[in-house]
Amino acid sequence: MSAEEIDQPFDTIESAQEFMNVLAATVLDVMKELSDARRQAERDGEERRAKAIDLAVFKLKTLGCYVHKSRRALNDLRIIRRLILNERLTVENIIATL
């Protein structure tokens, strides 16, 4: 990664969308891992740890909702940008936005 990429990681809507996609996938992966960890904590009789995991899962679900809303907002911004710039929407472009 170049110094320019580090200084401007979200210089386009598309780069921000890609980040949100990665974040959404990471949230799902971590939730699966925490589900396994919670089952293990219950088996081991670690009630406090299980409750802490429950809180982490709740916070991840909240983050997941924010990520979903952000992804939708970024998609809306792409569409608005196209309208402002009078970019043509071909069938391929419309499918790509879905």
N, C-alpha and C. Protein backbone atom coordinates (compact mmCIF):
# COMPACT_ATOMS: atom_id res chain seq x y z
N MET A 1 0.85 -1.18 0.00
CA MET A 1 0.00 0.00 0.00
C MET A 1 0.89 1.24 0.00
N SER A 2 0.61 2.12 -0.91
CA SER A 2 1.42 3.31 -1.04
C SER A 2 1.03 4.35 0.01
N ALA A 3 1.87 5.34 0.18
CA ALA A 3 1.59 6.42 1.12
C ALA A 3 0.33 7.17 0.72
N GLU A 4 0.11 7.32 -0.59
CA GLU A 4 -1.09 8.00 -1.09
C GLU A 4 -2.35 7.23 -0.71
N GLU A 5 -2.31 5.91 -0.83
CA GLU A 5 -3.47 5.08 -0.48
C GLU A 5 -3.78 5.16 1.01
N ILE A 6 -2.75 5.28 1.83
CA ILE A 6 -2.95 5.39 3.27
C ILE A 6 -3.55 6.75 3.61
N ASP A 7 -3.10 7.81 2.94
CA ASP A 7 -3.62 9.15 3.21
C ASP A 7 -5.07 9.30 2.77
N GLN A 8 -5.47 8.65 1.68
CA GLN A 8 -6.81 8.78 1.12
C GLN A 8 -7.45 7.40 0.91
N PRO A 9 -7.76 6.68 1.99
CA PRO A 9 -8.29 5.32 1.81
C PRO A 9 -9.69 5.30 1.21
N PHE A 10 -10.48 6.37 1.36
CA PHE A 10 -11.83 6.40 0.83
C PHE A 10 -12.01 7.60 -0.10
N ASP A 11 -11.20 7.62 -1.13
CA ASP A 11 -11.28 8.74 -2.05
C ASP A 11 -12.43 8.60 -3.05
N THR A 12 -13.08 7.45 -3.08
CA THR A 12 -14.25 7.26 -3.92
C THR A 12 -15.35 6.56 -3.14
N ILE A 13 -16.56 6.70 -3.62
CA ILE A 13 -17.68 6.00 -2.99
C ILE A 13 -17.46 4.50 -3.10
N GLU A 14 -16.93 4.06 -4.22
CA GLU A 14 -16.71 2.63 -4.42
C GLU A 14 -15.70 2.06 -3.43
N SER A 15 -14.67 2.82 -3.09
CA SER A 15 -13.69 2.31 -2.12
C SER A 15 -14.31 2.23 -0.72
N ALA A 16 -15.18 3.18 -0.41
CA ALA A 16 -15.90 3.12 0.87
C ALA A 16 -16.85 1.94 0.89
N GLN A 17 -17.50 1.68 -0.25
CA GLN A 17 -18.39 0.52 -0.34
C GLN A 17 -17.62 -0.77 -0.14
N GLU A 18 -16.47 -0.87 -0.73
CA GLU A 18 -15.66 -2.08 -0.58
C GLU A 18 -15.28 -2.28 0.89
N PHE A 19 -14.90 -1.21 1.57
CA PHE A 19 -14.59 -1.31 2.99
C PHE A 19 -15.80 -1.81 3.77
N MET A 20 -16.97 -1.28 3.47
CA MET A 20 -18.19 -1.70 4.17
C MET A 20 -18.49 -3.17 3.90
N ASN A 21 -18.22 -3.63 2.68
CA ASN A 21 -18.42 -5.05 2.37
C ASN A 21 -17.49 -5.93 3.20
N VAL A 22 -16.25 -5.51 3.31
CA VAL A 22 -15.29 -6.26 4.13
C VAL A 22 -15.71 -6.24 5.60
N LEU A 23 -16.13 -5.08 6.07
CA LEU A 23 -16.58 -4.95 7.46
C LEU A 23 -17.79 -5.84 7.73
N ALA A 24 -18.74 -5.86 6.82
CA ALA A 24 -19.93 -6.71 6.98
C ALA A 24 -19.55 -8.17 7.06
N ALA A 25 -18.64 -8.61 6.21
CA ALA A 25 -18.19 -10.01 6.23
C ALA A 25 -17.47 -10.33 7.54
N THR A 26 -16.67 -9.40 8.01
CA THR A 26 -15.93 -9.59 9.26
C THR A 26 -16.89 -9.69 10.44
N VAL A 27 -17.91 -8.86 10.46
CA VAL A 27 -18.91 -8.90 11.54
C VAL A 27 -19.56 -10.28 11.57
N LEU A 28 -19.94 -10.80 10.42
CA LEU A 28 -20.56 -12.13 10.38
C LEU A 28 -19.61 -13.22 10.87
N ASP A 29 -18.35 -13.15 10.44
CA ASP A 29 -17.36 -14.15 10.87
C ASP A 29 -17.17 -14.12 12.38
N VAL A 30 -17.06 -12.93 12.94
CA VAL A 30 -16.85 -12.80 14.38
C VAL A 30 -18.07 -13.29 15.16
N MET A 31 -19.25 -13.03 14.63
CA MET A 31 -20.46 -13.50 15.31
C MET A 31 -20.49 -15.02 15.35
N LYS A 32 -20.07 -15.67 14.28
CA LYS A 32 -19.99 -17.14 14.26
C LYS A 32 -18.98 -17.64 15.29
N GLU A 33 -17.84 -16.98 15.36
CA GLU A 33 -16.82 -17.37 16.34
C GLU A 33 -17.32 -17.19 17.77
N LEU A 34 -18.02 -16.09 18.00
CA LEU A 34 -18.54 -15.84 19.35
C LEU A 34 -19.63 -16.84 19.73
N SER A 35 -20.39 -17.29 18.75
CA SER A 35 -21.40 -18.30 19.02
C SER A 35 -20.75 -19.58 19.53
N ASP A 36 -19.66 -19.97 18.88
CA ASP A 36 -18.91 -21.14 19.33
C ASP A 36 -18.32 -20.91 20.72
N ALA A 37 -17.78 -19.72 20.93
CA ALA A 37 -17.17 -19.40 22.23
C ALA A 37 -18.22 -19.40 23.34
N ARG A 38 -19.43 -18.94 23.04
CA ARG A 38 -20.49 -18.93 24.04
C ARG A 38 -20.88 -20.35 24.43
N ARG A 39 -21.01 -21.22 23.44
CA ARG A 39 -21.32 -22.63 23.74
C ARG A 39 -20.24 -23.24 24.63
N GLN A 40 -18.99 -22.92 24.33
CA GLN A 40 -17.89 -23.45 25.14
C GLN A 40 -17.94 -22.89 26.56
N ALA A 41 -18.25 -21.61 26.70
CA ALA A 41 -18.35 -21.00 28.03
C ALA A 41 -19.48 -21.64 28.83
N GLU A 42 -20.60 -21.94 28.18
CA GLU A 42 -21.71 -22.61 28.88
C GLU A 42 -21.30 -24.01 29.32
N ARG A 43 -20.60 -24.72 28.45
CA ARG A 43 -20.14 -26.07 28.81
C ARG A 43 -19.19 -26.03 30.00
N ASP A 44 -18.36 -24.98 30.04
CA ASP A 44 -17.38 -24.86 31.12
C ASP A 44 -17.96 -24.22 32.37
N GLY A 45 -19.22 -23.83 32.33
CA GLY A 45 -19.85 -23.22 33.49
C GLY A 45 -19.39 -21.79 33.76
N GLU A 46 -18.93 -21.11 32.74
CA GLU A 46 -18.45 -19.73 32.89
C GLU A 46 -19.58 -18.76 32.53
N GLU A 47 -20.47 -18.55 33.49
CA GLU A 47 -21.64 -17.71 33.25
C GLU A 47 -21.27 -16.27 32.93
N ARG A 48 -20.30 -15.74 33.66
CA ARG A 48 -19.91 -14.34 33.43
C ARG A 48 -19.34 -14.16 32.02
N ARG A 49 -18.53 -15.10 31.60
CA ARG A 49 -17.96 -15.04 30.25
C ARG A 49 -19.06 -15.16 29.19
N ALA A 50 -20.03 -16.03 29.42
CA ALA A 50 -21.14 -16.19 28.48
C ALA A 50 -21.94 -14.89 28.37
N LYS A 51 -22.14 -14.21 29.48
CA LYS A 51 -22.88 -12.94 29.45
C LYS A 51 -22.07 -11.87 28.71
N ALA A 52 -20.77 -11.87 28.90
CA ALA A 52 -19.91 -10.92 28.19
C ALA A 52 -19.97 -11.18 26.68
N ILE A 53 -20.00 -12.44 26.31
CA ILE A 53 -20.11 -12.79 24.89
C ILE A 53 -21.46 -12.34 24.35
N ASP A 54 -22.52 -12.51 25.15
CA ASP A 54 -23.84 -12.03 24.74
C ASP A 54 -23.82 -10.53 24.46
N LEU A 55 -23.15 -9.78 25.31
CA LEU A 55 -23.04 -8.34 25.11
C LEU A 55 -22.27 -8.02 23.82
N ALA A 56 -21.19 -8.77 23.58
CA ALA A 56 -20.40 -8.56 22.36
C ALA A 56 -21.24 -8.87 21.12
N VAL A 57 -22.04 -9.93 21.19
CA VAL A 57 -22.91 -10.28 20.06
C VAL A 57 -23.94 -9.17 19.82
N PHE A 58 -24.51 -8.64 20.89
CA PHE A 58 -25.47 -7.54 20.77
C PHE A 58 -24.81 -6.34 20.08
N LYS A 59 -23.61 -6.00 20.51
CA LYS A 59 -22.90 -4.86 19.91
C LYS A 59 -22.56 -5.13 18.45
N LEU A 60 -22.22 -6.37 18.12
CA LEU A 60 -21.94 -6.71 16.73
C LEU A 60 -23.20 -6.62 15.87
N LYS A 61 -24.33 -7.04 16.42
CA LYS A 61 -25.59 -6.90 15.68
C LYS A 61 -25.90 -5.44 15.43
N THR A 62 -25.65 -4.60 16.43
CA THR A 62 -25.87 -3.16 16.26
C THR A 62 -24.94 -2.62 15.17
N LEU A 63 -23.69 -3.00 15.22
CA LEU A 63 -22.74 -2.58 14.19
C LEU A 63 -23.18 -3.09 12.82
N GLY A 64 -23.65 -4.32 12.77
CA GLY A 64 -24.13 -4.88 11.50
C GLY A 64 -25.26 -4.06 10.90
N CYS A 65 -26.16 -3.58 11.76
CA CYS A 65 -27.26 -2.72 11.28
C CYS A 65 -26.72 -1.41 10.72
N TYR A 66 -25.76 -0.82 11.42
CA TYR A 66 -25.16 0.43 10.94
C TYR A 66 -24.44 0.21 9.61
N VAL A 67 -23.75 -0.91 9.50
CA VAL A 67 -23.03 -1.21 8.26
C VAL A 67 -24.03 -1.38 7.12
N HIS A 68 -25.11 -2.10 7.37
CA HIS A 68 -26.14 -2.30 6.34
C HIS A 68 -26.71 -0.95 5.88
N LYS A 69 -27.04 -0.10 6.83
CA LYS A 69 -27.58 1.23 6.49
C LYS A 69 -26.55 2.06 5.73
N SER A 70 -25.30 1.97 6.13
CA SER A 70 -24.24 2.71 5.45
C SER A 70 -24.05 2.22 4.02
N ARG A 71 -24.13 0.92 3.83
CA ARG A 71 -24.00 0.38 2.48
C ARG A 71 -25.14 0.88 1.59
N ARG A 72 -26.33 0.92 2.13
CA ARG A 72 -27.47 1.44 1.37
C ARG A 72 -27.29 2.92 1.05
N ALA A 73 -26.81 3.68 2.03
CA ALA A 73 -26.59 5.11 1.81
C ALA A 73 -25.52 5.34 0.74
N LEU A 74 -24.46 4.56 0.78
CA LEU A 74 -23.41 4.69 -0.24
C LEU A 74 -23.95 4.34 -1.62
N ASN A 75 -24.78 3.33 -1.69
CA ASN A 75 -25.39 2.99 -2.97
C ASN A 75 -26.26 4.13 -3.48
N ASP A 76 -27.04 4.71 -2.57
CA ASP A 76 -27.86 5.86 -2.95
C ASP A 76 -27.00 7.01 -3.46
N LEU A 77 -25.88 7.25 -2.80
CA LEU A 77 -24.97 8.32 -3.22
C LEU A 77 -24.40 8.06 -4.62
N ARG A 78 -24.11 6.80 -4.91
CA ARG A 78 -23.62 6.46 -6.26
C ARG A 78 -24.68 6.79 -7.30
N ILE A 79 -25.92 6.44 -7.01
CA ILE A 79 -27.00 6.71 -7.94
C ILE A 79 -27.19 8.22 -8.12
N ILE A 80 -27.16 8.95 -7.03
CA ILE A 80 -27.32 10.42 -7.09
C ILE A 80 -26.17 11.03 -7.89
N ARG A 81 -24.96 10.55 -7.66
CA ARG A 81 -23.81 11.05 -8.41
C ARG A 81 -24.02 10.84 -9.91
N ARG A 82 -24.51 9.67 -10.26
CA ARG A 82 -24.77 9.38 -11.67
C ARG A 82 -25.81 10.34 -12.25
N LEU A 83 -26.84 10.62 -11.47
CA LEU A 83 -27.86 11.56 -11.93
C LEU A 83 -27.29 12.96 -12.12
N ILE A 84 -26.47 13.38 -11.16
CA ILE A 84 -25.86 14.71 -11.24
C ILE A 84 -24.94 14.82 -12.45
N LEU A 85 -24.18 13.79 -12.70
CA LEU A 85 -23.21 13.81 -13.79
C LEU A 85 -23.80 13.35 -15.12
N ASN A 86 -25.12 13.06 -15.12
CA ASN A 86 -25.81 12.59 -16.33
C ASN A 86 -25.15 11.35 -16.91
N GLU A 87 -24.68 10.47 -16.06
CA GLU A 87 -24.11 9.22 -16.55
C GLU A 87 -25.24 8.31 -16.96
N ARG A 88 -25.04 7.63 -18.03
CA ARG A 88 -26.05 6.70 -18.51
C ARG A 88 -26.05 5.44 -17.68
N LEU A 89 -27.23 4.95 -17.39
CA LEU A 89 -27.36 3.69 -16.69
C LEU A 89 -27.70 2.60 -17.70
N THR A 90 -26.71 1.79 -18.00
CA THR A 90 -26.96 0.65 -18.87
C THR A 90 -27.51 -0.49 -18.03
N VAL A 91 -27.97 -1.52 -18.67
CA VAL A 91 -28.50 -2.67 -17.95
C VAL A 91 -27.42 -3.26 -17.05
N GLU A 92 -26.19 -3.32 -17.53
CA GLU A 92 -25.09 -3.86 -16.73
C GLU A 92 -24.84 -3.01 -15.48
N ASN A 93 -24.91 -1.69 -15.63
CA ASN A 93 -24.71 -0.79 -14.49
C ASN A 93 -25.82 -0.95 -13.46
N ILE A 94 -27.06 -1.09 -13.93
CA ILE A 94 -28.17 -1.26 -13.00
C ILE A 94 -28.01 -2.55 -12.22
N ILE A 95 -27.63 -3.62 -12.89
CA ILE A 95 -27.43 -4.91 -12.22
C ILE A 95 -26.29 -4.80 -11.22
N ALA A 96 -25.24 -4.07 -11.55
CA ALA A 96 -24.09 -3.92 -10.66
C ALA A 96 -24.46 -3.18 -9.38
N THR A 97 -25.47 -2.32 -9.41
CA THR A 97 -25.85 -1.57 -8.22
C THR A 97 -26.71 -2.39 -7.26
N LEU A 98 -27.23 -3.51 -7.73
CA LEU A 98 -28.09 -4.34 -6.87
C LEU A 98 -27.31 -5.15 -5.90
